Amino acid sequence: MSVGQIQLGKNGITNNFIKSLKNHFKKHENVKISVLKTAGHDREKIKKYSDEILDELGKKYTAKIIGFTIFLKKWRKAIR
């Protein structure tokens, strides 16, 4: 089980960010997103980013927030 890493910067969640995230999931089961200071370092903003990413990816993904990092996991079947 490998973990991919990606950074979320000042541009926030863009179409290119979502495309690169989907490409990471082609090779990895889990992806770790590091939220940089320029993207905003408060809990509400990170939770908002997490919700927005899950809406874009679909129902096969779950997220867990630890500190300033969002951990995403892809499941075989839809969760919700």
PDB file of N, CA and C in Angstrom:
ATOM      1  N   MET A   1       0.860  -1.180   0.000  1.00  0.00           N
ATOM      2  CA  MET A   1       0.000   0.000   0.000  1.00  0.00           C
ATOM      3  C   MET A   1       0.899   1.233   0.000  1.00  0.00           C
ATOM      4  N   SER A   2       0.834   1.981  -1.063  1.00  0.00           N
ATOM      5  CA  SER A   2       1.668   3.166  -1.173  1.00  0.00           C
ATOM      6  C   SER A   2       0.841   4.429  -0.956  1.00  0.00           C
ATOM      7  N   VAL A   3       1.516   5.464  -0.512  1.00  0.00           N
ATOM      8  CA  VAL A   3       0.859   6.732  -0.227  1.00  0.00           C
ATOM      9  C   VAL A   3       1.452   7.793  -1.134  1.00  0.00           C
ATOM     10  N   GLY A   4       0.597   8.468  -1.901  1.00  0.00           N
ATOM     11  CA  GLY A   4       1.036   9.568  -2.734  1.00  0.00           C
ATOM     12  C   GLY A   4       0.964  10.864  -1.953  1.00  0.00           C
ATOM     13  N   GLN A   5       1.755  11.835  -2.345  1.00  0.00           N
ATOM     14  CA  GLN A   5       1.767  13.122  -1.653  1.00  0.00           C
ATOM     15  C   GLN A   5       1.546  14.239  -2.657  1.00  0.00           C
ATOM     16  N   ILE A   6       0.760  15.226  -2.235  1.00  0.00           N
ATOM     17  CA  ILE A   6       0.485  16.386  -3.067  1.00  0.00           C
ATOM     18  C   ILE A   6       0.321  17.582  -2.134  1.00  0.00           C
ATOM     19  N   GLN A   7       0.585  18.778  -2.643  1.00  0.00           N
ATOM     20  CA  GLN A   7       0.462  19.985  -1.828  1.00  0.00           C
ATOM     21  C   GLN A   7      -0.661  20.859  -2.346  1.00  0.00           C
ATOM     22  N   LEU A   8      -1.371  21.487  -1.415  1.00  0.00           N
ATOM     23  CA  LEU A   8      -2.429  22.435  -1.751  1.00  0.00           C
ATOM     24  C   LEU A   8      -1.927  23.822  -1.400  1.00  0.00           C
ATOM     25  N   GLY A   9      -1.762  24.658  -2.417  1.00  0.00           N
ATOM     26  CA  GLY A   9      -1.168  25.976  -2.219  1.00  0.00           C
ATOM     27  C   GLY A   9      -2.163  27.106  -2.317  1.00  0.00           C
ATOM     28  N   LYS A  10      -1.638  28.295  -2.643  1.00  0.00           N
ATOM     29  CA  LYS A  10      -2.437  29.514  -2.615  1.00  0.00           C
ATOM     30  C   LYS A  10      -3.545  29.540  -3.661  1.00  0.00           C
ATOM     31  N   ASN A  11      -3.422  28.755  -4.734  1.00  0.00           N
ATOM     32  CA  ASN A  11      -4.468  28.727  -5.748  1.00  0.00           C
ATOM     33  C   ASN A  11      -5.704  27.960  -5.294  1.00  0.00           C
ATOM     34  N   GLY A  12      -5.566  27.186  -4.233  1.00  0.00           N
ATOM     35  CA  GLY A  12      -6.705  26.420  -3.724  1.00  0.00           C
ATOM     36  C   GLY A  12      -7.008  25.224  -4.617  1.00  0.00           C
ATOM     37  N   ILE A  13      -8.270  24.834  -4.643  1.00  0.00           N
ATOM     38  CA  ILE A  13      -8.682  23.665  -5.408  1.00  0.00           C
ATOM     39  C   ILE A  13      -9.095  24.116  -6.810  1.00  0.00           C
ATOM     40  N   THR A  14      -8.300  23.726  -7.776  1.00  0.00           N
ATOM     41  CA  THR A  14      -8.563  24.079  -9.168  1.00  0.00           C
ATOM     42  C   THR A  14      -8.815  22.796  -9.961  1.00  0.00           C
ATOM     43  N   ASN A  15      -9.180  22.942 -11.217  1.00  0.00           N
ATOM     44  CA  ASN A  15      -9.383  21.767 -12.075  1.00  0.00           C
ATOM     45  C   ASN A  15      -8.095  20.980 -12.235  1.00  0.00           C
ATOM     46  N   ASN A  16      -6.977  21.674 -12.351  1.00  0.00           N
ATOM     47  CA  ASN A  16      -5.683  20.991 -12.486  1.00  0.00           C
ATOM     48  C   ASN A  16      -5.326  20.224 -11.221  1.00  0.00           C
ATOM     49  N   PHE A  17      -5.674  20.780 -10.058  1.00  0.00           N
ATOM     50  CA  PHE A  17      -5.416  20.090  -8.793  1.00  0.00           C
ATOM     51  C   PHE A  17      -6.211  18.784  -8.740  1.00  0.00           C
ATOM     52  N   ILE A  18      -7.482  18.831  -9.133  1.00  0.00           N
ATOM     53  CA  ILE A  18      -8.326  17.638  -9.123  1.00  0.00           C
ATOM     54  C   ILE A  18      -7.805  16.608 -10.121  1.00  0.00           C
ATOM     55  N   LYS A  19      -7.358  17.046 -11.294  1.00  0.00           N
ATOM     56  CA  LYS A  19      -6.802  16.123 -12.290  1.00  0.00           C
ATOM     57  C   LYS A  19      -5.552  15.437 -11.760  1.00  0.00           C
ATOM     58  N   SER A  20      -4.673  16.190 -11.126  1.00  0.00           N
ATOM     59  CA  SER A  20      -3.451  15.577 -10.597  1.00  0.00           C
ATOM     60  C   SER A  20      -3.767  14.647  -9.430  1.00  0.00           C
ATOM     61  N   LEU A  21      -4.805  14.974  -8.669  1.00  0.00           N
ATOM     62  CA  LEU A  21      -5.229  14.104  -7.569  1.00  0.00           C
ATOM     63  C   LEU A  21      -5.749  12.780  -8.116  1.00  0.00           C
ATOM     64  N   LYS A  22      -6.545  12.832  -9.176  1.00  0.00           N
ATOM     65  CA  LYS A  22      -7.048  11.609  -9.801  1.00  0.00           C
ATOM     66  C   LYS A  22      -5.910  10.782 -10.382  1.00  0.00           C
ATOM     67  N   ASN A  23      -4.895  11.440 -10.932  1.00  0.00           N
ATOM     68  CA  ASN A  23      -3.734  10.714 -11.443  1.00  0.00           C
ATOM     69  C   ASN A  23      -2.971  10.027 -10.324  1.00  0.00           C
ATOM     70  N   HIS A  24      -2.897  10.662  -9.153  1.00  0.00           N
ATOM     71  CA  HIS A  24      -2.240  10.023  -8.007  1.00  0.00           C
ATOM     72  C   HIS A  24      -2.988   8.758  -7.604  1.00  0.00           C
ATOM     73  N   PHE A  25      -4.315   8.791  -7.688  1.00  0.00           N
ATOM     74  CA  PHE A  25      -5.099   7.614  -7.290  1.00  0.00           C
ATOM     75  C   PHE A  25      -4.991   6.473  -8.292  1.00  0.00           C
ATOM     76  N   LYS A  26      -4.479   6.717  -9.482  1.00  0.00           N
ATOM     77  CA  LYS A  26      -4.236   5.628 -10.428  1.00  0.00           C
ATOM     78  C   LYS A  26      -3.077   4.759  -9.968  1.00  0.00           C
ATOM     79  N   LYS A  27      -2.139   5.367  -9.225  1.00  0.00           N
ATOM     80  CA  LYS A  27      -0.952   4.646  -8.769  1.00  0.00           C
ATOM     81  C   LYS A  27      -0.984   4.303  -7.286  1.00  0.00           C
ATOM     82  N   HIS A  28      -1.745   5.081  -6.502  1.00  0.00           N
ATOM     83  CA  HIS A  28      -1.730   4.927  -5.049  1.00  0.00           C
ATOM     84  C   HIS A  28      -3.142   4.699  -4.516  1.00  0.00           C
ATOM     85  N   GLU A  29      -3.213   4.013  -3.388  1.00  0.00           N
ATOM     86  CA  GLU A  29      -4.494   3.779  -2.725  1.00  0.00           C
ATOM     87  C   GLU A  29      -4.856   4.936  -1.793  1.00  0.00           C
ATOM     88  N   ASN A  30      -3.836   5.539  -1.214  1.00  0.00           N
ATOM     89  CA  ASN A  30      -4.018   6.667  -0.304  1.00  0.00           C
ATOM     90  C   ASN A  30      -3.214   7.867  -0.804  1.00  0.00           C
ATOM     91  N   VAL A  31      -3.747   9.066  -0.552  1.00  0.00           N
ATOM     92  CA  VAL A  31      -3.038  10.285  -0.922  1.00  0.00           C
ATOM     93  C   VAL A  31      -3.050  11.233   0.270  1.00  0.00           C
ATOM     94  N   LYS A  32      -1.886  11.815   0.535  1.00  0.00           N
ATOM     95  CA  LYS A  32      -1.725  12.771   1.628  1.00  0.00           C
ATOM     96  C   LYS A  32      -1.608  14.160   1.025  1.00  0.00           C
ATOM     97  N   ILE A  33      -2.516  15.066   1.416  1.00  0.00           N
ATOM     98  CA  ILE A  33      -2.508  16.433   0.908  1.00  0.00           C
ATOM     99  C   ILE A  33      -2.015  17.348   2.015  1.00  0.00           C
ATOM    100  N   SER A  34      -0.888  17.986   1.794  1.00  0.00           N
ATOM    101  CA  SER A  34      -0.354  18.950   2.757  1.00  0.00           C
ATOM    102  C   SER A  34      -0.899  20.328   2.399  1.00  0.00           C
ATOM    103  N   VAL A  35      -1.605  20.954   3.338  1.00  0.00           N
ATOM    104  CA  VAL A  35      -2.154  22.284   3.113  1.00  0.00           C
ATOM    105  C   VAL A  35      -1.096  23.298   3.540  1.00  0.00           C
ATOM    106  N   LEU A  36      -0.623  24.076   2.583  1.00  0.00           N
ATOM    107  CA  LEU A  36       0.425  25.049   2.864  1.00  0.00           C
ATOM    108  C   LEU A  36      -0.145  26.288   3.553  1.00  0.00           C
ATOM    109  N   LYS A  37       0.729  27.068   4.161  1.00  0.00           N
ATOM    110  CA  LYS A  37       0.297  28.280   4.868  1.00  0.00           C
ATOM    111  C   LYS A  37      -0.393  29.267   3.944  1.00  0.00           C
ATOM    112  N   THR A  38       0.044  29.322   2.693  1.00  0.00           N
ATOM    113  CA  THR A  38      -0.548  30.271   1.742  1.00  0.00           C
ATOM    114  C   THR A  38      -1.993  29.914   1.402  1.00  0.00           C
ATOM    115  N   ALA A  39      -2.380  28.652   1.593  1.00  0.00           N
ATOM    116  CA  ALA A  39      -3.762  28.229   1.314  1.00  0.00           C
ATOM    117  C   ALA A  39      -4.675  28.544   2.495  1.00  0.00           C
ATOM    118  N   GLY A  40      -4.110  28.777   3.667  1.00  0.00           N
ATOM    119  CA  GLY A  40      -4.909  29.079   4.855  1.00  0.00           C
ATOM    120  C   GLY A  40      -4.716  28.011   5.905  1.00  0.00           C
ATOM    121  N   HIS A  41      -4.392  28.426   7.080  1.00  0.00           N
ATOM    122  CA  HIS A  41      -4.116  27.486   8.161  1.00  0.00           C
ATOM    123  C   HIS A  41      -5.117  27.624   9.298  1.00  0.00           C
ATOM    124  N   ASP A  42      -6.396  27.475   8.990  1.00  0.00           N
ATOM    125  CA  ASP A  42      -7.376  27.372  10.061  1.00  0.00           C
ATOM    126  C   ASP A  42      -8.253  26.148   9.811  1.00  0.00           C
ATOM    127  N   ARG A  43      -8.795  25.600  10.888  1.00  0.00           N
ATOM    128  CA  ARG A  43      -9.522  24.331  10.831  1.00  0.00           C
ATOM    129  C   ARG A  43     -10.724  24.385   9.891  1.00  0.00           C
ATOM    130  N   GLU A  44     -11.461  25.492   9.920  1.00  0.00           N
ATOM    131  CA  GLU A  44     -12.664  25.594   9.092  1.00  0.00           C
ATOM    132  C   GLU A  44     -12.313  25.553   7.608  1.00  0.00           C
ATOM    133  N   LYS A  45     -11.243  26.234   7.237  1.00  0.00           N
ATOM    134  CA  LYS A  45     -10.835  26.280   5.832  1.00  0.00           C
ATOM    135  C   LYS A  45     -10.366  24.905   5.360  1.00  0.00           C
ATOM    136  N   ILE A  46      -9.633  24.196   6.200  1.00  0.00           N
ATOM    137  CA  ILE A  46      -9.155  22.869   5.835  1.00  0.00           C
ATOM    138  C   ILE A  46     -10.334  21.899   5.719  1.00  0.00           C
ATOM    139  N   LYS A  47     -11.306  22.010   6.608  1.00  0.00           N
ATOM    140  CA  LYS A  47     -12.521  21.183   6.529  1.00  0.00           C
ATOM    141  C   LYS A  47     -13.284  21.489   5.242  1.00  0.00           C
ATOM    142  N   LYS A  48     -13.347  22.765   4.869  1.00  0.00           N
ATOM    143  CA  LYS A  48     -14.020  23.174   3.632  1.00  0.00           C
ATOM    144  C   LYS A  48     -13.305  22.586   2.416  1.00  0.00           C
ATOM    145  N   TYR A  49     -11.975  22.632   2.418  1.00  0.00           N
ATOM    146  CA  TYR A  49     -11.201  22.036   1.337  1.00  0.00           C
ATOM    147  C   TYR A  49     -11.481  20.534   1.233  1.00  0.00           C
ATOM    148  N   SER A  50     -11.500  19.867   2.374  1.00  0.00           N
ATOM    149  CA  SER A  50     -11.743  18.431   2.406  1.00  0.00           C
ATOM    150  C   SER A  50     -13.117  18.090   1.821  1.00  0.00           C
ATOM    151  N   ASP A  51     -14.142  18.825   2.228  1.00  0.00           N
ATOM    152  CA  ASP A  51     -15.493  18.585   1.721  1.00  0.00           C
ATOM    153  C   ASP A  51     -15.575  18.832   0.218  1.00  0.00           C
ATOM    154  N   GLU A  52     -14.916  19.888  -0.240  1.00  0.00           N
ATOM    155  CA  GLU A  52     -14.936  20.224  -1.662  1.00  0.00           C
ATOM    156  C   GLU A  52     -14.231  19.149  -2.496  1.00  0.00           C
ATOM    157  N   ILE A  53     -13.123  18.631  -1.990  1.00  0.00           N
ATOM    158  CA  ILE A  53     -12.398  17.580  -2.691  1.00  0.00           C
ATOM    159  C   ILE A  53     -13.248  16.320  -2.776  1.00  0.00           C
ATOM    160  N   LEU A  54     -13.904  15.947  -1.673  1.00  0.00           N
ATOM    161  CA  LEU A  54     -14.745  14.751  -1.682  1.00  0.00           C
ATOM    162  C   LEU A  54     -15.926  14.903  -2.630  1.00  0.00           C
ATOM    163  N   ASP A  55     -16.495  16.104  -2.728  1.00  0.00           N
ATOM    164  CA  ASP A  55     -17.582  16.339  -3.675  1.00  0.00           C
ATOM    165  C   ASP A  55     -17.106  16.153  -5.112  1.00  0.00           C
ATOM    166  N   GLU A  56     -15.896  16.591  -5.403  1.00  0.00           N
ATOM    167  CA  GLU A  56     -15.356  16.482  -6.753  1.00  0.00           C
ATOM    168  C   GLU A  56     -15.004  15.035  -7.114  1.00  0.00           C
ATOM    169  N   LEU A  57     -14.471  14.277  -6.150  1.00  0.00           N
ATOM    170  CA  LEU A  57     -13.998  12.922  -6.442  1.00  0.00           C
ATOM    171  C   LEU A  57     -15.118  11.897  -6.521  1.00  0.00           C
ATOM    172  N   GLY A  58     -16.113  11.991  -5.651  1.00  0.00           N
ATOM    173  CA  GLY A  58     -17.211  11.033  -5.688  1.00  0.00           C
ATOM    174  C   GLY A  58     -17.355  10.262  -4.386  1.00  0.00           C
ATOM    175  N   LYS A  59     -18.178   9.211  -4.436  1.00  0.00           N
ATOM    176  CA  LYS A  59     -18.557   8.488  -3.223  1.00  0.00           C
ATOM    177  C   LYS A  59     -17.597   7.381  -2.825  1.00  0.00           C
ATOM    178  N   LYS A  60     -16.598   7.084  -3.621  1.00  0.00           N
ATOM    179  CA  LYS A  60     -15.651   6.021  -3.287  1.00  0.00           C
ATOM    180  C   LYS A  60     -14.505   6.489  -2.407  1.00  0.00           C
ATOM    181  N   TYR A  61     -14.542   7.735  -1.970  1.00  0.00           N
ATOM    182  CA  TYR A  61     -13.417   8.321  -1.247  1.00  0.00           C
ATOM    183  C   TYR A  61     -13.839   8.792   0.145  1.00  0.00           C
ATOM    184  N   THR A  62     -12.913   8.690   1.081  1.00  0.00           N
ATOM    185  CA  THR A  62     -13.116   9.236   2.425  1.00  0.00           C
ATOM    186  C   THR A  62     -11.910  10.098   2.782  1.00  0.00           C
ATOM    187  N   ALA A  63     -12.126  11.002   3.733  1.00  0.00           N
ATOM    188  CA  ALA A  63     -11.056  11.911   4.139  1.00  0.00           C
ATOM    189  C   ALA A  63     -10.931  11.942   5.652  1.00  0.00           C
ATOM    190  N   LYS A  64      -9.710  12.165   6.106  1.00  0.00           N
ATOM    191  CA  LYS A  64      -9.413  12.326   7.521  1.00  0.00           C
ATOM    192  C   LYS A  64      -8.446  13.496   7.644  1.00  0.00           C
ATOM    193  N   ILE A  65      -8.736  14.402   8.557  1.00  0.00           N
ATOM    194  CA  ILE A  65      -7.901  15.591   8.728  1.00  0.00           C
ATOM    195  C   ILE A  65      -7.098  15.440  10.014  1.00  0.00           C
ATOM    196  N   ILE A  66      -5.787  15.566   9.883  1.00  0.00           N
ATOM    197  CA  ILE A  66      -4.895  15.557  11.034  1.00  0.00           C
ATOM    198  C   ILE A  66      -3.982  16.768  10.896  1.00  0.00           C
ATOM    199  N   GLY A  67      -4.148  17.726  11.783  1.00  0.00           N
ATOM    200  CA  GLY A  67      -3.345  18.941  11.719  1.00  0.00           C
ATOM    201  C   GLY A  67      -3.649  19.721  10.464  1.00  0.00           C
ATOM    202  N   PHE A  68      -2.621  19.966   9.653  1.00  0.00           N
ATOM    203  CA  PHE A  68      -2.779  20.694   8.393  1.00  0.00           C
ATOM    204  C   PHE A  68      -2.644  19.751   7.206  1.00  0.00           C
ATOM    205  N   THR A  69      -2.996  18.486   7.425  1.00  0.00           N
ATOM    206  CA  THR A  69      -2.875  17.470   6.391  1.00  0.00           C
ATOM    207  C   THR A  69      -4.220  16.765   6.208  1.00  0.00           C
ATOM    208  N   ILE A  70      -4.597  16.547   4.961  1.00  0.00           N
ATOM    209  CA  ILE A  70      -5.813  15.807   4.635  1.00  0.00           C
ATOM    210  C   ILE A  70      -5.382  14.463   4.050  1.00  0.00           C
ATOM    211  N   PHE A  71      -5.848  13.376   4.658  1.00  0.00           N
ATOM    212  CA  PHE A  71      -5.552  12.036   4.168  1.00  0.00           C
ATOM    213  C   PHE A  71      -6.776  11.520   3.429  1.00  0.00           C
ATOM    214  N   LEU A  72      -6.594  11.142   2.167  1.00  0.00           N
ATOM    215  CA  LEU A  72      -7.680  10.615   1.354  1.00  0.00           C
ATOM    216  C   LEU A  72      -7.456   9.138   1.102  1.00  0.00           C
ATOM    217  N   LYS A  73      -8.548   8.363   1.147  1.00  0.00           N
ATOM    218  CA  LYS A  73      -8.479   6.923   0.880  1.00  0.00           C
ATOM    219  C   LYS A  73      -9.535   6.590  -0.164  1.00  0.00           C
ATOM    220  N   LYS A  74      -9.132   5.736  -1.108  1.00  0.00           N
ATOM    221  CA  LYS A  74     -10.057   5.270  -2.131  1.00  0.00           C
ATOM    222  C   LYS A  74     -10.507   3.860  -1.764  1.00  0.00           C
ATOM    223  N   TRP A  75     -11.818   3.633  -1.788  1.00  0.00           N
ATOM    224  CA  TRP A  75     -12.407   2.342  -1.487  1.00  0.00           C
ATOM    225  C   TRP A  75     -12.861   1.680  -2.779  1.00  0.00           C
ATOM    226  N   ARG A  76     -13.083   0.392  -2.721  1.00  0.00           N
ATOM    227  CA  ARG A  76     -13.549  -0.332  -3.910  1.00  0.00           C
ATOM    228  C   ARG A  76     -15.004  -0.044  -4.214  1.00  0.00           C
ATOM    229  N   LYS A  77     -15.807   0.092  -3.170  1.00  0.00           N
ATOM    230  CA  LYS A  77     -17.235   0.349  -3.338  1.00  0.00           C
ATOM    231  C   LYS A  77     -17.574   1.731  -2.786  1.00  0.00           C
ATOM    232  N   ALA A  78     -18.698   2.263  -3.233  1.00  0.00           N
ATOM    233  CA  ALA A  78     -19.160   3.563  -2.735  1.00  0.00           C
ATOM    234  C   ALA A  78     -19.479   3.471  -1.252  1.00  0.00           C
ATOM    235  N   ILE A  79     -19.117   4.505  -0.493  1.00  0.00           N
ATOM    236  CA  ILE A  79     -19.266   4.492   0.959  1.00  0.00           C
ATOM    237  C   ILE A  79     -20.648   4.991   1.387  1.00  0.00           C
ATOM    238  N   ARG A  80     -21.059   6.119   0.877  1.00  0.00           N
ATOM    239  CA  ARG A  80     -22.272   6.767   1.371  1.00  0.00           C
ATOM    240  C   ARG A  80     -23.474   6.140   0.851  1.00  0.00           C
TER     241      ARG A  80
END
